[in-house]
Protein backbone atom coordinates (compact mmCIF):
# COMPACT_ATOMS: atom_id res chain seq x y z
CA UNK A 1 -14.47 54.15 -14.31
CA UNK A 2 -17.12 51.49 -13.90
CA UNK A 3 -16.29 48.11 -12.54
CA UNK A 4 -17.36 45.07 -14.54
CA UNK A 5 -20.36 43.19 -13.23
CA UNK A 6 -19.99 39.78 -11.62
CA UNK A 7 -21.61 38.31 -14.75
CA UNK A 8 -18.96 39.92 -16.96
CA UNK A 9 -16.14 38.82 -14.64
CA UNK A 10 -17.42 35.25 -14.60
CA UNK A 11 -17.72 35.27 -18.39
CA UNK A 12 -14.19 36.62 -18.86
CA UNK A 13 -12.79 34.14 -16.32
CA UNK A 14 -14.28 31.11 -18.08
CA UNK A 15 -13.21 32.48 -21.44
CA UNK A 16 -9.60 32.84 -20.26
CA UNK A 17 -9.38 29.39 -18.68
CA UNK A 18 -10.95 27.85 -21.79
CA UNK A 19 -8.38 29.56 -24.03
CA UNK A 20 -5.62 28.43 -21.68
CA UNK A 21 -6.73 24.78 -21.89
CA UNK A 22 -7.09 25.04 -25.65
CA UNK A 23 -3.51 26.29 -25.85
CA UNK A 24 -2.39 23.43 -23.57
CA UNK A 25 -4.20 21.01 -25.87
CA UNK A 26 -2.24 22.23 -28.89
CA UNK A 27 0.98 22.01 -26.91
CA UNK A 28 0.26 18.36 -26.04
CA UNK A 29 -0.67 17.63 -29.63
CA UNK A 30 2.56 19.14 -30.96
CA UNK A 31 4.69 17.26 -28.41
CA UNK A 32 3.35 13.83 -29.43
CA UNK A 33 5.99 13.85 -32.16
CA UNK A 34 8.65 12.85 -29.61
CA UNK A 35 7.16 9.44 -28.78
CA UNK A 36 6.27 8.87 -32.44
CA UNK A 37 9.88 9.53 -33.51
CA UNK A 38 11.14 7.25 -30.75
CA UNK A 39 8.74 4.52 -31.91
CA UNK A 40 10.09 4.72 -35.46
CA UNK A 41 13.65 4.55 -34.12
CA UNK A 42 12.74 1.49 -32.02
CA UNK A 43 11.21 -0.23 -35.05
CA UNK A 44 14.41 0.43 -37.00
CA UNK A 45 16.51 -0.97 -34.14
CA UNK A 46 14.24 -3.99 -33.93
CA UNK A 47 14.76 -4.63 -37.63
CA UNK A 48 18.53 -4.43 -37.22
CA UNK A 49 18.43 -6.92 -34.36
CA UNK A 50 16.20 -9.28 -36.34
CA UNK A 51 18.59 -9.21 -39.32
CA UNK A 52 21.55 -10.19 -37.16
CA UNK A 53 19.71 -12.80 -35.07
CA UNK A 54 20.23 -16.47 -35.97
CA UNK A 55 16.91 -18.18 -35.20
CA UNK A 56 18.36 -21.62 -35.91
CA UNK A 57 20.31 -21.34 -32.63
CA UNK A 58 17.23 -20.59 -30.52
CA UNK A 59 17.98 -23.59 -28.28
CA UNK A 60 21.06 -21.76 -26.92
CA UNK A 61 20.56 -19.70 -23.74
CA UNK A 62 21.91 -16.50 -25.32
CA UNK A 63 19.59 -16.79 -28.31
CA UNK A 64 16.64 -17.54 -26.03
CA UNK A 65 17.48 -14.49 -23.90
CA UNK A 66 17.66 -12.27 -26.99
CA UNK A 67 14.32 -13.63 -28.22
CA UNK A 68 12.66 -12.99 -24.83
CA UNK A 69 14.12 -9.48 -24.59
CA UNK A 70 12.95 -8.75 -28.13
CA UNK A 71 9.45 -10.06 -27.42
CA UNK A 72 9.18 -7.85 -24.31
CA UNK A 73 10.46 -4.93 -26.38
CA UNK A 74 7.81 -5.52 -29.04
CA UNK A 75 5.06 -5.68 -26.40
CA UNK A 76 6.24 -2.40 -24.87
CA UNK A 77 6.36 -0.87 -28.34
CA UNK A 78 2.80 -1.97 -29.09
CA UNK A 79 1.71 -0.45 -25.78
CA UNK A 80 3.39 2.82 -26.78
CA UNK A 81 1.59 2.85 -30.12
CA UNK A 82 -1.72 2.28 -28.31
CA UNK A 83 -1.01 5.21 -25.98
CA UNK A 84 -0.20 7.48 -28.94
CA UNK A 85 -3.53 6.56 -30.55
CA UNK A 86 -5.30 7.31 -27.27
CA UNK A 87 -3.84 10.83 -27.22
CA UNK A 88 -5.27 11.58 -30.65
CA UNK A 89 -8.55 9.77 -29.92
CA UNK A 90 -9.22 12.05 -26.97
CA UNK A 91 -8.57 15.14 -29.06
CA UNK A 92 -11.11 14.03 -31.63
CA UNK A 93 -13.84 13.17 -29.15
CA UNK A 94 -13.69 16.16 -26.79
CA UNK A 95 -14.96 19.24 -28.52
CA UNK A 96 -16.77 22.33 -27.23
CA UNK A 97 -20.55 22.61 -27.58
CA UNK A 98 -21.73 22.68 -31.18
CA UNK A 99 -22.75 25.95 -32.78
CA UNK A 100 -26.17 24.56 -33.72
CA UNK A 101 -26.86 23.82 -30.04
CA UNK A 102 -25.93 27.38 -29.11
CA UNK A 103 -28.14 28.83 -31.86
CA UNK A 104 -31.09 26.74 -30.67
CA UNK A 105 -30.50 27.92 -27.11
CA UNK A 106 -30.38 31.53 -28.31
CA UNK A 107 -33.68 31.10 -30.17
CA UNK A 108 -35.35 29.77 -27.04
CA UNK A 109 -33.95 32.74 -25.07
CA UNK A 110 -35.41 35.22 -27.55
CA UNK A 111 -38.95 33.86 -27.20
CA UNK A 112 -40.98 36.66 -25.65
CA UNK A 113 -38.10 38.55 -23.99
CA UNK A 114 -36.67 42.01 -24.40
CA UNK A 115 -33.26 42.69 -25.90
CA UNK A 116 -31.66 43.42 -22.53
CA UNK A 117 -32.87 40.11 -21.07
CA UNK A 118 -31.69 38.29 -24.20
CA UNK A 119 -28.24 39.92 -23.95
CA UNK A 120 -27.89 38.87 -20.31
CA UNK A 121 -29.12 35.37 -21.12
CA UNK A 122 -26.70 35.13 -24.04
CA UNK A 123 -23.79 36.11 -21.83
CA UNK A 124 -24.80 33.39 -19.37
CA UNK A 125 -25.17 30.93 -22.24
CA UNK A 126 -21.71 31.75 -23.58
CA UNK A 127 -20.24 31.53 -20.07
CA UNK A 128 -21.80 28.09 -19.68
CA UNK A 129 -20.45 27.11 -23.08
CA UNK A 130 -16.92 28.18 -22.08
CA UNK A 131 -17.32 26.29 -18.82
CA UNK A 132 -18.41 23.07 -20.54
CA UNK A 133 -15.64 23.33 -23.13
CA UNK A 134 -13.07 24.07 -20.42
CA UNK A 135 -14.11 21.03 -18.39
CA UNK A 136 -13.98 18.77 -21.45
CA UNK A 137 -10.58 20.13 -22.50
CA UNK A 138 -9.23 19.89 -18.95
CA UNK A 139 -10.26 16.25 -18.63
CA UNK A 140 -9.11 15.37 -22.15
CA UNK A 141 -5.80 17.22 -21.76
CA UNK A 142 -5.06 15.52 -18.46
CA UNK A 143 -5.70 12.06 -19.89
CA UNK A 144 -3.88 12.88 -23.15
CA UNK A 145 -0.81 14.18 -21.33
CA UNK A 146 -0.81 11.03 -19.22
CA UNK A 147 -1.07 8.85 -22.35
CA UNK A 148 1.73 10.79 -24.03
CA UNK A 149 3.96 10.26 -20.99
CA UNK A 150 3.10 6.56 -20.87
CA UNK A 151 3.92 6.24 -24.56
CA UNK A 152 7.32 7.79 -24.03
CA UNK A 153 8.03 5.58 -21.02
CA UNK A 154 7.01 2.47 -22.94
CA UNK A 155 9.28 3.42 -25.83
CA UNK A 156 12.17 3.92 -23.42
CA UNK A 157 11.40 0.52 -21.89
CA UNK A 158 11.30 -1.02 -25.36
CA UNK A 159 14.63 0.54 -26.29
CA UNK A 160 16.15 -0.67 -23.01
CA UNK A 161 15.19 -4.27 -23.78
CA UNK A 162 16.45 -3.87 -27.35
CA UNK A 163 19.75 -2.51 -26.04
CA UNK A 164 20.06 -5.54 -23.76
CA UNK A 165 19.42 -7.77 -26.77
CA UNK A 166 22.12 -5.96 -28.75
CA UNK A 167 24.53 -6.38 -25.83
CA UNK A 168 23.99 -10.14 -25.95
CA UNK A 169 24.30 -10.30 -29.73
CA UNK A 170 28.13 -10.67 -29.84
CA UNK A 171 27.88 -13.73 -27.58
CA UNK A 172 25.16 -15.13 -29.80
CA UNK A 173 27.18 -14.69 -32.97
CA UNK A 174 30.29 -16.45 -31.60
CA UNK A 175 30.70 -19.96 -32.91
């Protein structure tokens, strides 16, 4: 039984951590549905509050409080939408090295070298490619996960302010 060379171990290590980050990326992408669903629920709740709100009584303290709570809720909701867009933006703009770049690098490796040297150089090239892709995915996944968490927190904040507005609504509707 022959042990793998350090070059092969390094290659396999970077390959595995790249695949792990790629899997994490897909997990983050699939979990973005939670904040998006919460945003749509908050928009629906906001619409219900707006239908019941009597803007002609804005001079009353209760109506003013509801309007302020609703405005804060809308701002938090807009922040959540921005964070959701940032999650997807990072996924689009962090990709592994392009195939054409790898092919060009392979062609330059082949210039005047034997097949064994080319094979070793190609393994190093692929290891470097995995390393670059891993680093990009790691950074992008970290920022995307943070944005996803911020989006969810902002939606919860928005819903909290909307709930406070709904709690004041019976006092607003009394005549």
